[in-house]
Amino acid sequence: MVGSNHQAKKRRKNVHSSTTIITKTGKVIDLWKIYKVKGKILYKSLSGSGHTLTTPPGFAVDYGIFLEARDKGCRFVQFYDREVEIFYTAKIEDFLSKGFRFNRGFGEQVGLSLSKWIKTNTSKISRKLIFEAPYFPFFKDNNGQ
């Protein structure tokens, strides 16, 4: 069973569209304000203590956002954990072949085990690169790009 240490106050009461949620209080949230697309990367900055899956350990993406990003040509998903200053980068194809779908009350999501992510500590990256180009994969894909 997929678990999370995130006890969110916002649960999807009903889904307005594949990328918009309506909270229990009626607030409408556009998920594209949380996720960003930069080049071929779907990016999200987060706090790992509240957004890391616990069983299995990993991260998840809203399924509607994931599909739209894939259809827009994204080839990577990248999360930046602000608490520990670590980038987690994974290939879209890994979500498709090794990921798992679930719905825990926040809408349909697709998760990927932490062991499938490339983990990069920002202390090993030039500060100039982080501030000028914070969205980039830290490995080459199969096509050398």
Protein backbone atom coordinates (compact mmCIF):
# COMPACT_ATOMS: atom_id res chain seq x y z
CA MET A 1 0.00 0.00 0.00
CA VAL A 2 1.28 3.45 -0.89
CA GLY A 3 1.69 5.71 2.12
CA SER A 4 2.75 9.28 2.74
CA ASN A 5 3.98 11.25 5.69
CA HIS A 6 2.07 14.18 4.23
CA GLN A 7 -1.15 14.84 6.14
CA ALA A 8 -2.57 17.42 3.74
CA LYS A 9 -5.38 19.69 4.71
CA LYS A 10 -6.48 19.89 1.11
CA ARG A 11 -8.13 16.81 -0.32
CA ARG A 12 -9.86 16.73 -3.63
CA LYS A 13 -13.56 17.06 -3.05
CA ASN A 14 -14.24 16.88 -6.75
CA VAL A 15 -12.12 17.30 -9.82
CA HIS A 16 -12.78 20.36 -11.96
CA SER A 17 -10.36 19.33 -14.74
CA SER A 18 -7.32 17.12 -15.01
CA THR A 19 -5.05 19.95 -13.79
CA THR A 20 -7.35 21.83 -11.41
CA ILE A 21 -8.51 20.72 -7.98
CA ILE A 22 -11.26 21.98 -5.71
CA THR A 23 -10.50 21.70 -1.99
CA LYS A 24 -12.99 20.78 0.74
CA THR A 25 -13.42 24.50 1.39
CA GLY A 26 -14.27 25.14 -2.27
CA LYS A 27 -10.98 26.79 -3.20
CA VAL A 28 -9.92 26.12 -6.82
CA ILE A 29 -6.22 25.38 -7.30
CA ASP A 30 -4.57 25.35 -10.70
CA LEU A 31 -1.84 22.71 -10.46
CA TRP A 32 0.16 24.44 -13.20
CA LYS A 33 0.95 27.11 -10.58
CA ILE A 34 2.72 24.39 -8.58
CA TYR A 35 4.47 22.60 -11.45
CA LYS A 36 6.53 24.28 -14.17
CA VAL A 37 7.77 23.15 -17.56
CA LYS A 38 11.19 24.35 -18.60
CA GLY A 39 12.41 22.89 -21.86
CA LYS A 40 11.95 19.13 -21.58
CA ILE A 41 11.65 19.09 -17.78
CA LEU A 42 8.57 19.01 -15.54
CA TYR A 43 9.78 20.77 -12.37
CA LYS A 44 8.42 21.23 -8.86
CA SER A 45 10.00 22.73 -5.75
CA LEU A 46 8.79 21.02 -2.57
CA SER A 47 9.43 20.22 1.07
CA GLY A 48 10.46 16.58 1.21
CA SER A 49 9.11 16.06 4.72
CA GLY A 50 5.61 16.74 3.46
CA HIS A 51 5.73 15.33 -0.06
CA THR A 52 7.80 12.16 0.11
CA LEU A 53 5.98 8.87 -0.18
CA THR A 54 6.87 6.48 2.61
CA THR A 55 5.75 3.10 1.21
CA PRO A 56 7.53 2.69 -1.08
CA PRO A 57 9.82 5.66 -0.52
CA GLY A 58 9.54 7.95 -3.52
CA PHE A 59 7.81 10.92 -5.11
CA ALA A 60 4.58 11.27 -7.04
CA VAL A 61 3.23 13.59 -9.72
CA ASP A 62 -0.39 14.51 -10.36
CA TYR A 63 -1.38 12.17 -13.19
CA GLY A 64 -3.13 14.86 -15.28
CA ILE A 65 -0.09 17.14 -15.05
CA PHE A 66 2.19 14.20 -15.88
CA LEU A 67 0.22 13.35 -19.04
CA GLU A 68 0.11 16.96 -20.23
CA ALA A 69 3.85 17.41 -19.61
CA ARG A 70 4.62 14.20 -21.49
CA ASP A 71 2.39 15.31 -24.37
CA LYS A 72 4.22 18.69 -24.42
CA GLY A 73 7.49 16.83 -24.97
CA CYS A 74 8.87 16.67 -21.43
CA ARG A 75 11.38 13.88 -21.00
CA PHE A 76 12.30 14.40 -17.34
CA VAL A 77 10.63 15.08 -13.99
CA GLN A 78 12.66 17.03 -11.48
CA PHE A 79 11.85 17.87 -7.88
CA TYR A 80 13.89 20.22 -5.73
CA ASP A 81 13.66 19.48 -2.01
CA ARG A 82 14.12 22.89 -0.38
CA GLU A 83 14.67 21.42 3.09
CA VAL A 84 17.80 19.45 2.20
CA GLU A 85 18.76 21.31 -1.00
CA ILE A 86 18.71 18.20 -3.17
CA PHE A 87 17.49 17.81 -6.75
CA TYR A 88 15.75 14.54 -7.65
CA THR A 89 15.60 13.84 -11.38
CA ALA A 90 13.91 10.95 -13.21
CA LYS A 91 13.06 10.10 -16.77
CA ILE A 92 9.44 10.24 -17.96
CA GLU A 93 9.99 6.79 -19.48
CA ASP A 94 10.84 5.43 -16.00
CA PHE A 95 7.46 6.65 -14.72
CA LEU A 96 5.81 4.83 -17.61
CA SER A 97 7.73 1.57 -17.22
CA LYS A 98 8.50 1.42 -13.47
CA GLY A 99 5.99 3.82 -11.90
CA PHE A 100 2.75 3.08 -10.09
CA ARG A 101 -0.61 4.86 -10.16
CA PHE A 102 -2.70 5.50 -7.07
CA ASN A 103 -5.34 7.78 -5.58
CA ARG A 104 -5.22 8.55 -1.87
CA GLY A 105 -7.85 11.27 -1.93
CA PHE A 106 -5.75 13.89 -3.73
CA GLY A 107 -6.69 12.72 -7.20
CA GLU A 108 -4.94 10.31 -9.52
CA GLN A 109 -1.16 10.32 -9.15
CA VAL A 110 1.78 8.44 -10.60
CA GLY A 111 4.66 7.61 -8.29
CA LEU A 112 8.20 6.41 -8.72
CA SER A 113 10.33 4.67 -6.12
CA LEU A 114 13.17 6.78 -4.70
CA SER A 115 15.71 4.25 -5.98
CA LYS A 116 14.79 5.23 -9.57
CA TRP A 117 15.64 8.93 -9.08
CA ILE A 118 19.05 10.55 -9.64
CA LYS A 119 19.86 12.49 -6.48
CA THR A 120 22.10 15.57 -6.70
CA ASN A 121 23.13 17.63 -3.68
CA THR A 122 23.24 21.33 -4.55
CA SER A 123 26.47 21.80 -2.56
CA LYS A 124 28.19 19.92 -5.40
CA ILE A 125 26.82 22.30 -8.05
CA SER A 126 28.08 25.77 -8.84
CA ARG A 127 25.82 28.35 -7.15
CA LYS A 128 25.82 30.29 -10.44
CA LEU A 129 24.29 27.31 -12.24
CA ILE A 130 21.58 26.88 -9.59
CA PHE A 131 20.47 30.50 -9.79
CA GLU A 132 20.81 30.98 -13.54
CA ALA A 133 19.53 27.61 -14.73
CA PRO A 134 17.77 25.79 -11.90
CA TYR A 135 15.93 23.40 -14.22
CA PHE A 136 18.12 20.83 -15.91
CA PRO A 137 18.67 17.10 -15.75
CA PHE A 138 21.85 15.97 -14.07
CA PHE A 139 22.41 13.09 -16.45
CA LYS A 140 22.15 12.46 -20.16
CA ASP A 141 19.20 10.58 -21.58
CA ASN A 142 19.54 7.69 -24.04
CA ASN A 143 19.74 10.10 -26.98
CA GLY A 144 22.72 11.95 -25.48
CA GLN A 145 20.68 15.11 -24.83
